[in-house]
Amino acid sequence: MAILLKNIFAGLPKTVGDRNASNSMDREWTSAIFKEPVEGPVWVGKTGITGDGQADRKHHGGPEKAVFAYPYCHYTYWNNELGFSQITPGGMGENFLIEPIWEDTVSIGDMFQIGGAVVQVSQPRQPCWKPARRFKIKNLALLLQNTGRTGWYFRVLQEGFVEVGQTLSLVDRPCPEWTIVKCNQIIHGVQLDLEAMRSLAECQLLSPGLRETLEKRIAKREVPDIRNRVFGPNE
């Protein structure tokens, strides 16, 4: 079954909101989550696509998070199952909107050819508070995390032009056991499974940053406090 690139989105950081608002969800904030559709051939470089950027370079962007991909089918879920009609394609801040593909059918290290580029799955997205602020749904990051509808990142192995309507062709699948679903279960599990975490941390094709995070959790032997990530200044 062909995997289709339905849309490409890009955007630069912008500041919205009211710094004096009494409601935290209405306060001023800066983000590049507000992506717009891109037409025609788009250059996919080692650190991202032309015209795209990040406001928080500590947690977003860079070679291991060059392209954020999100399955098209999830928007049906957010709209039909939960009634979030305002969440439409591009809303999660993705660069590539693709179908048919899901978190249980893609694995760390999967290598795809698309147009002139070759990309490789590097890690799941770890949902933060910004989609929640955008749509004013305070628990949205938790919903993303708990439903497993996180999407994932690509690193770019070969730079090149891509275009909407092209297909992603699987070139190699070196780690079929490490699906994004399985990674999410280990990373976001409420129980501390040290053996599973060690196994995942040993996957050489998982992004170095996430491997380091797992190793720190193993050393501390504790489930991390996620409130700052999923709620942040929205609380």
Protein backbone atom coordinates (compact mmCIF):
# COMPACT_ATOMS: atom_id res chain seq x y z
CA MET A 1 0.00 0.00 0.00
CA ALA A 2 1.43 3.38 -1.04
CA ILE A 3 2.09 5.92 1.70
CA LEU A 4 1.02 9.33 0.42
CA LEU A 5 2.37 12.73 1.39
CA LYS A 6 -0.95 14.58 1.58
CA ASN A 7 0.35 17.97 2.73
CA ILE A 8 3.52 19.82 3.63
CA PHE A 9 3.37 22.51 6.29
CA ALA A 10 5.92 25.10 7.41
CA GLY A 11 5.97 28.14 9.65
CA LEU A 12 8.20 30.46 11.62
CA PRO A 13 7.77 31.45 15.28
CA LYS A 14 5.18 34.06 16.10
CA THR A 15 3.83 35.59 19.29
CA VAL A 16 0.11 35.57 20.04
CA GLY A 17 -2.13 36.17 23.04
CA ASP A 18 -2.43 38.88 25.69
CA ARG A 19 0.34 39.17 28.25
CA ASN A 20 -2.11 40.67 30.73
CA ALA A 21 -4.85 38.05 30.34
CA SER A 22 -6.22 36.62 33.57
CA ASN A 23 -6.81 33.20 32.00
CA SER A 24 -3.51 31.37 31.52
CA MET A 25 -4.74 29.88 28.23
CA ASP A 26 -5.16 33.39 26.78
CA ARG A 27 -1.75 34.76 27.81
CA GLU A 28 1.01 35.74 25.45
CA TRP A 29 3.17 32.94 24.11
CA THR A 30 5.55 32.30 21.22
CA SER A 31 5.55 29.21 19.03
CA ALA A 32 6.10 27.94 15.50
CA ILE A 33 3.18 25.50 15.78
CA PHE A 34 1.15 27.72 13.43
CA LYS A 35 2.08 26.06 10.15
CA GLU A 36 0.74 26.89 6.69
CA PRO A 37 0.47 24.62 3.62
CA VAL A 38 3.41 24.75 1.24
CA GLU A 39 2.93 24.34 -2.51
CA GLY A 40 5.41 23.12 -5.09
CA PRO A 41 8.79 21.49 -4.52
CA VAL A 42 10.16 22.03 -1.00
CA TRP A 43 13.77 21.57 0.04
CA VAL A 44 14.24 19.10 2.89
CA GLY A 45 17.55 19.80 4.58
CA LYS A 46 19.45 18.22 7.44
CA THR A 47 17.81 20.47 10.03
CA GLY A 48 14.38 20.93 8.48
CA ILE A 49 12.38 22.11 5.50
CA THR A 50 12.71 25.52 3.89
CA GLY A 51 10.55 28.13 5.58
CA ASP A 52 10.17 26.21 8.83
CA GLY A 53 11.50 27.12 12.26
CA GLN A 54 11.19 26.58 16.00
CA ALA A 55 10.73 28.96 18.90
CA ASP A 56 12.09 26.58 21.54
CA ARG A 57 15.32 25.21 20.07
CA LYS A 58 16.11 23.33 23.28
CA HIS A 59 13.20 20.93 22.83
CA HIS A 60 12.39 21.24 19.12
CA GLY A 61 14.26 21.16 15.86
CA GLY A 62 17.80 20.07 15.08
CA PRO A 63 19.04 17.14 12.99
CA GLU A 64 17.20 14.49 15.04
CA LYS A 65 13.90 16.36 14.79
CA ALA A 66 14.25 17.78 11.32
CA VAL A 67 10.78 16.81 10.08
CA PHE A 68 7.70 16.16 12.19
CA ALA A 69 5.27 13.67 10.62
CA TYR A 70 1.67 13.12 11.63
CA PRO A 71 -0.91 10.59 10.35
CA TYR A 72 -3.90 12.08 8.56
CA CYS A 73 -6.30 9.57 10.16
CA HIS A 74 -5.79 11.09 13.60
CA TYR A 75 -7.66 14.22 12.61
CA THR A 76 -10.75 12.09 12.05
CA TYR A 77 -10.34 10.81 15.60
CA TRP A 78 -9.99 14.27 17.14
CA ASN A 79 -13.03 15.52 15.21
CA ASN A 80 -15.41 12.56 15.26
CA GLU A 81 -14.51 10.74 18.47
CA LEU A 82 -13.83 13.72 20.72
CA GLY A 83 -15.72 16.47 18.92
CA PHE A 84 -12.71 18.76 18.56
CA SER A 85 -13.79 20.21 15.24
CA GLN A 86 -11.25 23.02 15.44
CA ILE A 87 -8.33 20.57 15.18
CA THR A 88 -7.70 20.31 11.44
CA PRO A 89 -4.72 19.16 9.32
CA GLY A 90 -1.62 21.13 10.18
CA GLY A 91 -3.00 21.80 13.64
CA MET A 92 -0.48 19.63 15.45
CA GLY A 93 2.38 21.56 13.91
CA GLU A 94 3.42 18.77 11.58
CA ASN A 95 5.58 19.22 8.49
CA PHE A 96 4.46 16.04 6.71
CA LEU A 97 0.83 14.91 6.81
CA ILE A 98 0.82 11.32 5.58
CA GLU A 99 -1.51 8.36 5.03
CA PRO A 100 -2.15 5.48 5.43
CA ILE A 101 0.31 4.98 8.26
CA TRP A 102 0.03 4.76 12.04
CA GLU A 103 2.25 4.60 15.10
CA ASP A 104 1.96 0.81 15.15
CA THR A 105 3.13 0.45 11.54
CA VAL A 106 6.28 2.59 11.69
CA SER A 107 9.44 1.84 13.67
CA ILE A 108 12.61 3.56 14.84
CA GLY A 109 15.15 3.43 12.02
CA ASP A 110 12.61 3.03 9.24
CA MET A 111 14.15 4.63 6.16
CA PHE A 112 11.96 6.17 3.46
CA GLN A 113 12.70 7.63 0.05
CA ILE A 114 10.45 10.54 -0.88
CA GLY A 115 11.19 12.66 -3.91
CA GLY A 116 14.88 13.48 -3.80
CA ALA A 117 15.16 13.01 -0.04
CA VAL A 118 15.77 10.05 2.22
CA VAL A 119 14.42 10.32 5.78
CA GLN A 120 14.67 8.03 8.80
CA VAL A 121 12.43 7.71 11.86
CA SER A 122 14.35 8.95 14.89
CA GLN A 123 11.87 9.11 17.78
CA PRO A 124 8.24 9.65 18.80
CA ARG A 125 7.07 13.14 19.51
CA GLN A 126 6.74 13.83 23.23
CA PRO A 127 3.62 16.03 23.43
CA CYS A 128 4.01 19.35 25.22
CA TRP A 129 1.60 22.06 26.36
CA LYS A 130 1.62 24.09 23.14
CA PRO A 131 -1.07 22.22 21.14
CA ALA A 132 -3.25 22.55 24.25
CA ARG A 133 -2.70 26.30 24.35
CA ARG A 134 -3.40 26.63 20.66
CA PHE A 135 -6.77 24.90 20.85
CA LYS A 136 -7.55 25.86 24.46
CA ILE A 137 -7.96 22.21 25.48
CA LYS A 138 -5.95 22.01 28.68
CA ASN A 139 -5.51 18.23 28.71
CA LEU A 140 -4.74 17.85 25.00
CA ALA A 141 -1.09 16.87 25.55
CA LEU A 142 -2.24 14.11 27.89
CA LEU A 143 -4.77 12.95 25.31
CA LEU A 144 -2.07 12.85 22.65
CA GLN A 145 0.19 10.90 24.95
CA ASN A 146 -2.38 8.50 26.38
CA THR A 147 -4.00 7.66 23.04
CA GLY A 148 -0.59 7.16 21.41
CA ARG A 149 -1.49 9.59 18.62
CA THR A 150 1.80 11.41 18.95
CA GLY A 151 3.33 11.31 15.50
CA TRP A 152 7.10 11.02 15.13
CA TYR A 153 10.23 12.74 13.88
CA PHE A 154 12.44 12.06 10.88
CA ARG A 155 16.14 12.75 10.60
CA VAL A 156 17.28 13.53 7.05
CA LEU A 157 19.86 11.14 5.61
CA GLN A 158 19.80 12.62 2.12
CA GLU A 159 18.73 16.17 1.39
CA GLY A 160 16.46 16.85 -1.55
CA PHE A 161 13.24 18.32 -2.89
CA VAL A 162 9.87 16.79 -2.02
CA GLU A 163 6.37 17.68 -3.15
CA VAL A 164 2.78 17.03 -2.08
CA GLY A 165 1.37 13.95 -3.79
CA GLN A 166 4.61 12.00 -3.76
CA THR A 167 4.83 8.66 -1.99
CA LEU A 168 7.11 7.45 0.78
CA SER A 169 8.84 4.22 -0.24
CA LEU A 170 10.26 2.06 2.53
CA VAL A 171 13.96 1.49 1.86
CA ASP A 172 15.00 -0.29 5.05
CA ARG A 173 13.51 -1.44 8.36
CA PRO A 174 16.39 -2.36 10.69
CA CYS A 175 14.43 -2.28 13.98
CA PRO A 176 10.90 -3.59 13.32
CA GLU A 177 10.47 -4.44 17.00
CA TRP A 178 10.66 -0.77 18.04
CA THR A 179 7.39 0.58 16.72
CA ILE A 180 6.40 4.08 17.75
CA VAL A 181 3.54 2.53 19.75
CA LYS A 182 5.95 0.37 21.73
CA CYS A 183 8.33 3.29 22.28
CA ASN A 184 5.46 5.43 23.56
CA GLN A 185 4.38 2.70 25.96
CA ILE A 186 7.86 2.51 27.45
CA ILE A 187 8.53 6.25 27.51
CA HIS A 188 5.13 7.22 28.92
CA GLY A 189 4.37 4.15 31.01
CA VAL A 190 3.15 4.80 34.54
CA GLN A 191 5.07 1.74 35.72
CA LEU A 192 8.86 1.77 35.71
CA ASP A 193 9.97 -1.06 33.41
CA LEU A 194 13.74 -0.84 33.72
CA GLU A 195 14.43 -3.82 31.46
CA ALA A 196 12.33 -2.41 28.63
CA MET A 197 13.87 1.03 29.06
CA ARG A 198 17.38 -0.41 28.91
CA SER A 199 16.54 -2.31 25.74
CA LEU A 200 15.12 0.79 24.07
CA ALA A 201 18.06 2.94 25.22
CA GLU A 202 20.39 0.47 23.50
CA CYS A 203 18.72 1.04 20.13
CA GLN A 204 21.44 2.90 18.23
CA LEU A 205 18.96 4.45 15.78
CA LEU A 206 16.88 6.10 18.51
CA SER A 207 17.77 9.78 18.79
CA PRO A 208 20.73 10.39 21.15
CA GLY A 209 18.72 12.87 23.20
CA LEU A 210 15.97 10.39 23.97
CA ARG A 211 18.49 7.64 24.70
CA GLU A 212 20.15 9.96 27.21
CA THR A 213 16.76 10.74 28.78
CA LEU A 214 16.05 7.04 29.21
CA GLU A 215 19.47 6.41 30.72
CA LYS A 216 18.88 9.16 33.29
CA ARG A 217 15.52 7.67 34.23
CA ILE A 218 17.12 4.26 34.64
CA ALA A 219 19.81 5.72 36.88
CA LYS A 220 17.25 7.54 39.05
CA ARG A 221 14.84 4.58 39.01
CA GLU A 222 11.80 6.84 39.02
CA VAL A 223 8.90 7.74 36.76
CA PRO A 224 9.39 11.39 35.71
CA ASP A 225 7.01 14.17 36.67
CA ILE A 226 5.37 15.12 33.38
CA ARG A 227 3.23 18.01 34.57
CA ASN A 228 5.61 20.71 33.41
CA ARG A 229 5.78 19.19 29.93
CA VAL A 230 2.08 18.51 29.39
CA PHE A 231 0.59 21.49 31.25
CA GLY A 232 3.45 23.98 31.60
CA PRO A 233 2.25 27.59 31.82
CA ASN A 234 -1.31 26.53 30.95
CA GLU A 235 -1.97 25.72 34.60
